[in-house]
């Protein structure tokens, strides 16, 4: 199995979702990841359930595979010295502690880069490294609210509507990894590390970038379109005789094919639907025209016809249907954790057509204290004797 980051050492100081996810991605790609947890309970995400497996939440297990756990107290001078020693031999450090904590403890980027100039120091913030909200804490739903995302989801008149997955946490973890990998590449040229900053706020702003672009162009606040695209029509879900279907006729050529397969080629001559701009301007009329036709057949019948015509479409599945789908099986997406046997979504990347397999299950709290900290203490003792 290809492990493109084999030999890279990662120190993860954080908890919850975004930071641990970044560590898990790097671990899946072969990096050696040491996770620092507080002695009293460890990562809060250990209790984020149900479901639980052997006392730890399944979410924790999924996001902390391929890691070794050590318990260190950032309020202890001795443990801060251990963290510094671990950072001195690391290639990448990831931290998503409460803003200001790492500076207070003396393990901020300036201090650690001074000791290890080759370190890629990655910080994940809530609202970013500067600005009036720099020191504010934050979780995914707060940033969905702050960014306007809650008022872009759902239909007009609905209450504020969450995107169910923690999309800001997940994407920020990925941005962190992208930054870390770019930092490694830069280090190959310069020989020096760097500071990488990303935040849930910046991620949230990127999710609503289309709305921001429109606002700065013409001052309009985006409307809510339910299960439809804001700019393309028809590009949404429709009811059929039994179950809903999603149709994405993303250009005029596809709309012509769709109109033909639905038995109404005359729609293409209707001035309201003649091109993409007109269809979006007249979205309500377009949907009202299509919906009665689509309710005349079942989803399976329509999918067979629409797919044959070459128009993108998909069933509206629940997660159970996705889990049982042939495509999920064919793409070999799921991975089994070695000890618990829990099935988790694997890395969404393949190397030479192979998806990485977890080398280790998630660690027990402090499971690797003896293995890692005894070596760290030996080095610290040796260094102290040299300076006497």
Protein backbone atom coordinates (compact mmCIF):
# COMPACT_ATOMS: atom_id res chain seq x y z
CA UNK A 1 0.00 0.00 0.00
CA UNK A 2 1.34 3.43 -0.99
CA UNK A 3 1.97 5.71 1.99
CA UNK A 4 3.06 9.03 0.51
CA UNK A 5 3.66 10.64 3.93
CA UNK A 6 5.57 7.75 5.48
CA UNK A 7 8.35 9.18 7.64
CA UNK A 8 6.51 12.46 8.32
CA UNK A 9 5.92 13.11 12.02
CA UNK A 10 2.79 14.96 13.12
CA UNK A 11 2.02 16.34 16.58
CA UNK A 12 -1.69 16.97 17.13
CA UNK A 13 -2.68 19.19 20.07
CA UNK A 14 -6.40 19.64 20.02
CA UNK A 15 -9.76 18.03 20.21
CA UNK A 16 -13.30 17.89 18.84
CA UNK A 17 -13.49 17.62 15.06
CA UNK A 18 -11.48 19.84 12.71
CA UNK A 19 -8.02 19.30 14.23
CA UNK A 20 -8.40 15.55 14.80
CA UNK A 21 -9.81 15.12 11.28
CA UNK A 22 -6.73 16.83 9.84
CA UNK A 23 -4.54 14.47 11.86
CA UNK A 24 -6.54 11.45 10.69
CA UNK A 25 -6.16 12.44 7.03
CA UNK A 26 -2.39 12.79 7.41
CA UNK A 27 -2.30 9.49 9.30
CA UNK A 28 -4.22 7.72 6.55
CA UNK A 29 -1.58 8.91 4.12
CA UNK A 30 1.16 7.30 6.18
CA UNK A 31 2.28 10.00 8.63
CA UNK A 32 3.12 9.07 12.23
CA UNK A 33 0.65 11.04 14.36
CA UNK A 34 1.07 11.63 18.10
CA UNK A 35 -2.09 13.02 19.71
CA UNK A 36 -1.74 15.09 22.89
CA UNK A 37 -4.77 14.83 25.19
CA UNK A 38 -5.56 16.35 28.57
CA UNK A 39 -5.14 13.81 31.40
CA UNK A 40 -8.65 14.37 32.75
CA UNK A 41 -10.91 12.72 30.17
CA UNK A 42 -8.86 13.47 27.06
CA UNK A 43 -10.44 14.72 23.86
CA UNK A 44 -14.03 15.83 24.54
CA UNK A 45 -15.09 13.99 21.38
CA UNK A 46 -14.54 10.68 23.19
CA UNK A 47 -17.98 11.34 24.71
CA UNK A 48 -19.72 12.64 21.56
CA UNK A 49 -22.25 9.87 21.07
CA UNK A 50 -24.11 7.64 20.81
CA UNK A 51 -23.03 5.27 19.42
CA UNK A 52 -20.11 4.18 21.60
CA UNK A 53 -17.60 1.34 21.27
CA UNK A 54 -15.69 0.28 24.40
CA UNK A 55 -16.40 3.64 26.05
CA UNK A 56 -15.38 5.91 23.19
CA UNK A 57 -17.75 7.44 20.66
CA UNK A 58 -17.72 6.06 17.15
CA UNK A 59 -17.11 9.62 15.92
CA UNK A 60 -13.92 9.77 18.01
CA UNK A 61 -12.79 6.40 16.73
CA UNK A 62 -13.33 7.42 13.11
CA UNK A 63 -11.40 10.70 13.44
CA UNK A 64 -8.53 9.37 15.55
CA UNK A 65 -7.44 6.23 13.76
CA UNK A 66 -3.73 5.79 13.02
CA UNK A 67 -2.71 7.87 16.07
CA UNK A 68 -0.83 7.36 19.31
CA UNK A 69 -2.21 9.06 22.43
CA UNK A 70 -0.19 10.70 25.19
CA UNK A 71 -1.64 12.62 28.11
CA UNK A 72 0.00 15.94 28.94
CA UNK A 73 -1.26 18.84 31.06
CA UNK A 74 -0.65 22.22 29.42
CA UNK A 75 -0.79 23.79 32.91
CA UNK A 76 2.28 21.80 33.93
CA UNK A 77 5.75 23.23 33.19
CA UNK A 78 7.16 19.72 32.95
CA UNK A 79 4.52 18.68 30.42
CA UNK A 80 5.00 21.87 28.39
CA UNK A 81 8.68 20.94 28.18
CA UNK A 82 7.62 17.52 26.87
CA UNK A 83 5.38 19.12 24.24
CA UNK A 84 8.25 21.32 23.14
CA UNK A 85 10.50 18.28 22.88
CA UNK A 86 7.92 16.45 20.77
CA UNK A 87 7.49 19.52 18.54
CA UNK A 88 11.25 19.80 18.10
CA UNK A 89 11.30 16.48 16.25
CA UNK A 90 8.00 16.90 14.38
CA UNK A 91 7.44 17.95 10.79
CA UNK A 92 3.86 19.20 11.28
CA UNK A 93 2.04 20.47 14.34
CA UNK A 94 -1.75 20.85 14.35
CA UNK A 95 -3.52 22.72 17.13
CA UNK A 96 -7.10 23.88 17.59
CA UNK A 97 -7.05 24.86 21.26
CA UNK A 98 -9.02 27.83 22.54
CA UNK A 99 -7.59 31.06 21.06
CA UNK A 100 -4.68 32.42 23.06
CA UNK A 101 -3.91 29.22 24.97
CA UNK A 102 -0.81 28.19 23.01
CA UNK A 103 0.74 31.64 23.42
CA UNK A 104 0.00 31.63 27.16
CA UNK A 105 1.67 28.24 27.51
CA UNK A 106 4.71 29.12 25.46
CA UNK A 107 3.96 26.71 22.63
CA UNK A 108 2.80 29.24 20.05
CA UNK A 109 4.24 29.30 16.53
CA UNK A 110 6.98 31.83 17.19
CA UNK A 111 8.39 29.85 20.12
CA UNK A 112 8.25 26.45 18.46
CA UNK A 113 9.56 27.62 15.08
CA UNK A 114 12.47 29.26 16.85
CA UNK A 115 13.38 25.87 18.30
CA UNK A 116 12.55 23.90 15.13
CA UNK A 117 12.74 26.13 12.04
CA UNK A 118 11.58 23.24 9.80
CA UNK A 119 8.25 22.86 11.62
CA UNK A 120 4.97 23.38 9.73
CA UNK A 121 2.83 24.95 12.47
CA UNK A 122 -0.91 24.68 11.68
CA UNK A 123 -3.51 26.55 13.73
CA UNK A 124 -7.25 26.04 13.33
CA UNK A 125 -9.22 29.01 14.64
CA UNK A 126 -12.91 29.65 15.09
CA UNK A 127 -13.03 33.16 13.59
CA UNK A 128 -9.45 33.60 12.40
CA UNK A 129 -6.08 34.84 13.62
CA UNK A 130 -6.99 38.54 13.51
CA UNK A 131 -9.99 40.85 13.74
CA UNK A 132 -12.46 41.70 16.53
CA UNK A 133 -13.54 38.06 16.95
CA UNK A 134 -10.01 36.63 17.02
CA UNK A 135 -10.36 35.40 20.59
CA UNK A 136 -13.91 34.12 20.27
CA UNK A 137 -14.51 30.38 20.59
CA UNK A 138 -16.69 28.65 18.04
CA UNK A 139 -18.32 25.44 16.91
CA UNK A 140 -19.73 24.49 13.54
CA UNK A 141 -23.36 25.63 14.12
CA UNK A 142 -22.22 29.07 15.30
CA UNK A 143 -20.36 29.59 12.03
CA UNK A 144 -23.29 28.29 9.99
CA UNK A 145 -25.34 30.96 11.76
CA UNK A 146 -22.78 33.78 11.50
CA UNK A 147 -22.06 33.19 7.82
CA UNK A 148 -25.68 33.38 6.65
CA UNK A 149 -25.69 29.71 5.70
CA UNK A 150 -28.70 28.99 7.94
CA UNK A 151 -30.74 31.48 5.93
CA UNK A 152 -29.64 30.05 2.59
CA UNK A 153 -30.74 26.48 3.35
CA UNK A 154 -34.37 25.42 3.19
CA UNK A 155 -37.35 27.11 1.60
CA UNK A 156 -38.50 30.70 1.90
CA UNK A 157 -40.39 31.03 5.17
CA UNK A 158 -38.68 28.07 6.84
CA UNK A 159 -36.92 28.65 10.17
CA UNK A 160 -33.11 28.84 10.00
CA UNK A 161 -31.97 25.47 8.64
CA UNK A 162 -28.72 23.67 9.43
CA UNK A 163 -26.67 21.67 7.01
CA UNK A 164 -26.80 18.44 9.02
CA UNK A 165 -23.12 17.40 8.65
CA UNK A 166 -20.56 19.60 10.43
CA UNK A 167 -19.46 21.01 7.10
CA UNK A 168 -17.33 23.85 8.51
CA UNK A 169 -15.36 21.53 10.80
CA UNK A 170 -14.85 18.94 8.08
CA UNK A 171 -13.79 21.38 5.38
CA UNK A 172 -11.53 23.33 7.75
CA UNK A 173 -9.74 20.09 8.61
CA UNK A 174 -9.20 19.54 4.90
CA UNK A 175 -7.98 23.12 4.36
CA UNK A 176 -5.53 22.53 7.21
CA UNK A 177 -4.16 19.45 5.46
CA UNK A 178 -3.89 21.29 2.14
CA UNK A 179 -1.92 24.03 3.88
CA UNK A 180 0.30 21.53 5.66
CA UNK A 181 1.12 19.70 2.44
CA UNK A 182 1.87 22.97 0.67
CA UNK A 183 4.10 23.91 3.60
CA UNK A 184 6.01 20.64 3.25
CA UNK A 185 6.50 21.28 -0.46
CA UNK A 186 7.74 24.80 0.22
CA UNK A 187 10.12 23.43 2.86
CA UNK A 188 11.62 21.14 0.23
CA UNK A 189 12.72 24.29 -1.62
CA UNK A 190 13.56 26.64 1.24
CA UNK A 191 14.55 24.29 4.04
CA UNK A 192 12.32 26.22 6.41
CA UNK A 193 8.91 25.60 7.90
CA UNK A 194 6.07 28.11 8.14
CA UNK A 195 2.87 29.05 9.94
CA UNK A 196 -0.43 27.86 8.46
CA UNK A 197 -3.66 29.46 9.69
CA UNK A 198 -7.19 28.52 8.75
CA UNK A 199 -10.55 28.88 10.47
CA UNK A 200 -14.15 27.80 10.53
CA UNK A 201 -15.04 31.39 9.64
CA UNK A 202 -13.02 31.39 6.43
CA UNK A 203 -14.46 28.01 5.51
CA UNK A 204 -18.01 29.25 6.12
CA UNK A 205 -17.33 32.31 3.98
CA UNK A 206 -16.13 30.03 1.18
CA UNK A 207 -19.35 27.98 1.35
CA UNK A 208 -21.45 31.11 0.76
CA UNK A 209 -19.02 32.60 -1.75
CA UNK A 210 -21.64 32.78 -4.51
CA UNK A 211 -23.91 34.83 -2.27
CA UNK A 212 -21.05 37.09 -1.21
CA UNK A 213 -20.03 37.63 -4.82
CA UNK A 214 -23.58 38.66 -5.74
CA UNK A 215 -23.90 40.94 -2.73
CA UNK A 216 -20.69 42.81 -3.50
CA UNK A 217 -21.73 43.11 -7.14
CA UNK A 218 -25.29 44.37 -6.74
CA UNK A 219 -26.13 44.48 -3.03
CA UNK A 220 -28.70 41.67 -3.14
CA UNK A 221 -29.02 39.11 -0.35
CA UNK A 222 -29.45 35.54 -1.70
CA UNK A 223 -32.92 34.04 -1.60
CA UNK A 224 -33.66 30.54 -0.37
CA UNK A 225 -34.45 27.96 -3.02
CA UNK A 226 -35.14 24.82 -1.01
CA UNK A 227 -33.92 21.82 -2.98
CA UNK A 228 -33.14 23.85 -6.11
CA UNK A 229 -30.04 25.55 -7.42
CA UNK A 230 -29.94 29.32 -7.16
CA UNK A 231 -28.69 29.76 -10.73
CA UNK A 232 -29.66 26.66 -12.76
CA UNK A 233 -33.12 25.35 -13.76
CA UNK A 234 -34.22 22.56 -13.71
CA UNK A 235 -31.57 21.55 -11.19
CA UNK A 236 -33.41 20.14 -8.20
CA UNK A 237 -35.53 17.35 -6.78
CA UNK A 238 -38.98 16.48 -8.11
CA UNK A 239 -41.71 14.13 -6.90
CA UNK A 240 -42.57 11.12 -9.03
CA UNK A 241 -45.43 8.64 -8.69
CA UNK A 242 -43.67 7.05 -5.73
CA UNK A 243 -40.33 8.54 -4.61
CA UNK A 244 -38.39 11.75 -5.32
CA UNK A 245 -35.74 12.11 -7.98
CA UNK A 246 -33.02 14.70 -8.49
CA UNK A 247 -32.57 16.04 -12.03
CA UNK A 248 -29.66 18.25 -13.05
CA UNK A 249 -30.13 19.65 -16.55
CA UNK A 250 -27.20 22.02 -16.19
CA UNK A 251 -27.19 23.49 -19.71
CA UNK A 252 -29.44 24.09 -22.70
CA UNK A 253 -28.35 20.90 -24.49
CA UNK A 254 -29.35 18.78 -21.53
CA UNK A 255 -32.66 20.60 -21.20
CA UNK A 256 -33.50 19.79 -24.82
CA UNK A 257 -32.85 16.10 -24.13
CA UNK A 258 -34.88 16.23 -20.92
CA UNK A 259 -37.84 17.91 -22.61
CA UNK A 260 -37.81 15.25 -25.29
CA UNK A 261 -37.65 12.31 -22.88
CA UNK A 262 -40.46 13.80 -20.81
CA UNK A 263 -42.53 13.95 -23.98
CA UNK A 264 -42.69 17.75 -24.30
CA UNK A 265 -40.15 19.01 -26.85
CA UNK A 266 -42.34 22.10 -27.25
CA UNK A 267 -41.00 23.39 -23.93
CA UNK A 268 -37.81 24.36 -25.74
CA UNK A 269 -39.81 26.75 -27.94
CA UNK A 270 -41.61 28.37 -25.00
CA UNK A 271 -40.04 31.84 -24.60
CA UNK A 272 -40.12 31.38 -20.81
CA UNK A 273 -37.86 28.33 -21.06
CA UNK A 274 -35.79 29.08 -24.17
CA UNK A 275 -32.43 29.26 -22.38
CA UNK A 276 -30.92 28.84 -18.94
CA UNK A 277 -31.38 32.46 -17.92
CA UNK A 278 -35.04 32.45 -18.90
CA UNK A 279 -35.69 29.16 -17.11
CA UNK A 280 -34.21 30.46 -13.88
CA UNK A 281 -36.16 33.74 -14.17
CA UNK A 282 -39.31 31.64 -14.60
CA UNK A 283 -38.38 28.86 -12.18
CA UNK A 284 -41.84 28.60 -10.60
CA UNK A 285 -43.49 28.17 -14.00
CA UNK A 286 -40.85 25.67 -15.10
CA UNK A 287 -41.32 23.52 -12.00
CA UNK A 288 -45.10 23.78 -12.18
CA UNK A 289 -44.95 22.61 -15.80
CA UNK A 290 -42.63 19.67 -15.14
CA UNK A 291 -44.02 18.34 -11.87
CA UNK A 292 -47.35 16.92 -13.13
CA UNK A 293 -45.52 15.10 -15.91
CA UNK A 294 -43.01 13.52 -13.55
CA UNK A 295 -45.76 12.28 -11.24
CA UNK A 296 -47.13 10.10 -14.04
CA UNK A 297 -44.39 7.45 -13.66
CA UNK A 298 -42.35 5.94 -10.85
CA UNK A 299 -38.85 7.04 -10.01
CA UNK A 300 -37.33 3.85 -11.40
CA UNK A 301 -39.18 4.28 -14.68
CA UNK A 302 -38.10 7.90 -15.06
CA UNK A 303 -34.50 7.17 -14.09
CA UNK A 304 -34.22 4.48 -16.75
CA UNK A 305 -35.53 6.87 -19.41
CA UNK A 306 -33.65 9.98 -18.28
CA UNK A 307 -30.33 8.15 -17.85
CA UNK A 308 -30.71 6.63 -21.32
CA UNK A 309 -31.18 10.14 -22.70
CA UNK A 310 -27.89 11.19 -21.10
CA UNK A 311 -29.36 13.67 -18.60
CA UNK A 312 -27.80 13.56 -15.10
CA UNK A 313 -30.22 12.29 -12.47
CA UNK A 314 -30.09 10.42 -9.17
CA UNK A 315 -32.44 8.85 -6.64
CA UNK A 316 -32.99 10.76 -3.40
CA UNK A 317 -31.56 8.16 -1.03
CA UNK A 318 -31.41 7.94 2.71
CA UNK A 319 -28.12 6.92 4.34
CA UNK A 320 -29.25 3.31 4.60
CA UNK A 321 -29.78 3.17 0.85
CA UNK A 322 -26.34 4.69 0.29
CA UNK A 323 -24.84 2.09 2.63
CA UNK A 324 -26.39 -0.72 0.55
CA UNK A 325 -25.58 0.82 -2.82
CA UNK A 326 -23.48 -1.00 -5.39
CA UNK A 327 -21.47 2.16 -6.05
CA UNK A 328 -20.32 2.44 -2.41
CA UNK A 329 -19.24 -1.19 -2.56
CA UNK A 330 -17.57 -0.85 -5.95
CA UNK A 331 -15.56 2.19 -4.84
CA UNK A 332 -14.44 0.33 -1.71
CA UNK A 333 -15.22 3.41 0.39
CA UNK A 334 -15.70 1.78 3.80
CA UNK A 335 -12.82 0.72 6.01
CA UNK A 336 -12.77 -1.54 9.07
CA UNK A 337 -10.89 -0.38 12.17
CA UNK A 338 -8.47 -3.10 13.29
CA UNK A 339 -9.47 -3.65 16.95
CA UNK A 340 -13.11 -2.62 17.21
CA UNK A 341 -14.21 -3.84 13.80
CA UNK A 342 -16.17 -0.63 13.33
CA UNK A 343 -16.78 0.40 9.74
CA UNK A 344 -15.82 3.98 8.93
CA UNK A 345 -15.58 6.04 5.75
CA UNK A 346 -12.04 5.80 4.43
CA UNK A 347 -9.87 8.52 2.98
CA UNK A 348 -11.66 9.94 -0.09
CA UNK A 349 -8.43 9.61 -2.11
CA UNK A 350 -6.80 6.61 -3.76
CA UNK A 351 -3.10 6.18 -4.53
CA UNK A 352 -2.33 4.00 -7.53
CA UNK A 353 -5.99 2.97 -7.40
CA UNK A 354 -5.70 1.84 -3.78
CA UNK A 355 -7.49 3.46 -0.86
CA UNK A 356 -5.40 3.50 2.35
CA UNK A 357 -6.25 0.93 5.01
CA UNK A 358 -6.16 2.03 8.69
CA UNK A 359 -2.99 0.71 10.30
CA UNK A 360 -4.28 1.28 13.85
CA UNK A 361 -7.59 1.77 15.62
CA UNK A 362 -8.07 4.92 17.70
CA UNK A 363 -5.95 4.90 20.87
CA UNK A 364 -7.06 4.55 24.43
CA UNK A 365 -6.45 7.69 26.47
CA UNK A 366 -2.73 7.84 27.23
CA UNK A 367 -2.15 4.42 25.67
CA UNK A 368 1.29 5.39 24.40
CA UNK A 369 2.57 7.37 27.39
CA UNK A 370 5.26 4.82 28.28
CA UNK A 371 6.37 4.32 24.68
CA UNK A 372 6.66 8.00 23.78
CA UNK A 373 7.12 9.99 26.98
CA UNK A 374 9.85 7.76 28.42
CA UNK A 375 11.95 8.52 25.34
CA UNK A 376 11.10 12.22 25.59
CA UNK A 377 12.09 12.31 29.27
CA UNK A 378 15.36 10.56 28.50
CA UNK A 379 16.22 13.20 25.91
CA UNK A 380 15.26 16.05 28.23
CA UNK A 381 17.42 14.58 31.00
CA UNK A 382 20.32 14.20 28.61
CA UNK A 383 19.92 17.76 27.34
CA UNK A 384 19.76 19.09 30.91
CA UNK A 385 22.98 17.31 31.85
CA UNK A 386 24.75 18.87 28.88
CA UNK A 387 23.84 22.39 29.96
CA UNK A 388 25.16 21.99 33.51
